[in-house]
Amino acid sequence: MAQVRARILGRARQPLTDDPAVTLHTSQDGSVTIQSRAAVPGYLSPDPRDRRTLGVKIKSLKAGDEMIPLDHPALTRGWHGVEADGRWTDGRAIIPAALAKDGPVTIALAATTRYPVPQSARSRATGTGRAGG
């Protein structure tokens, strides 16, 4: 089955990138969003089992000089479960204002994945696509 999926994926020629395009956005309420590209590994690899939407895997979080534990109960929106070496986001993970209040948020990445390149990005890069109007 994996060989068949690998052949199909090869024929699909889905352009992929290793660039997670990570950004941090602070909202007016003081919460911080870790935003990145996201992908479902089971859709992009011969092994279909992992159906989670993965953004980036966070190794550590800090607000100012204060570490934010990855297993903090307030880290719920946009977060997958804690693993031994970090915690995956779903591409849009929220750090609540109460955790981000001690200063600028910094992250360290444990891992990324391969991400599909959206059609609009491919069109901009090649100068192709359709204009509206």
Foldseek 3Di string as FASTA:
>chain_A
DLVVLVVVLVVVPFDKDQFFPWDWDADPQQKIKTATFWDQVLNRHSNNPRRAIFRFWWQWKDQAPRTDDQVPPVFDPQWDDADPRGTTGNRITMGDRVRNVRHHMDTDTPGGDMHGDDPVNVCVVVVHDDDDD
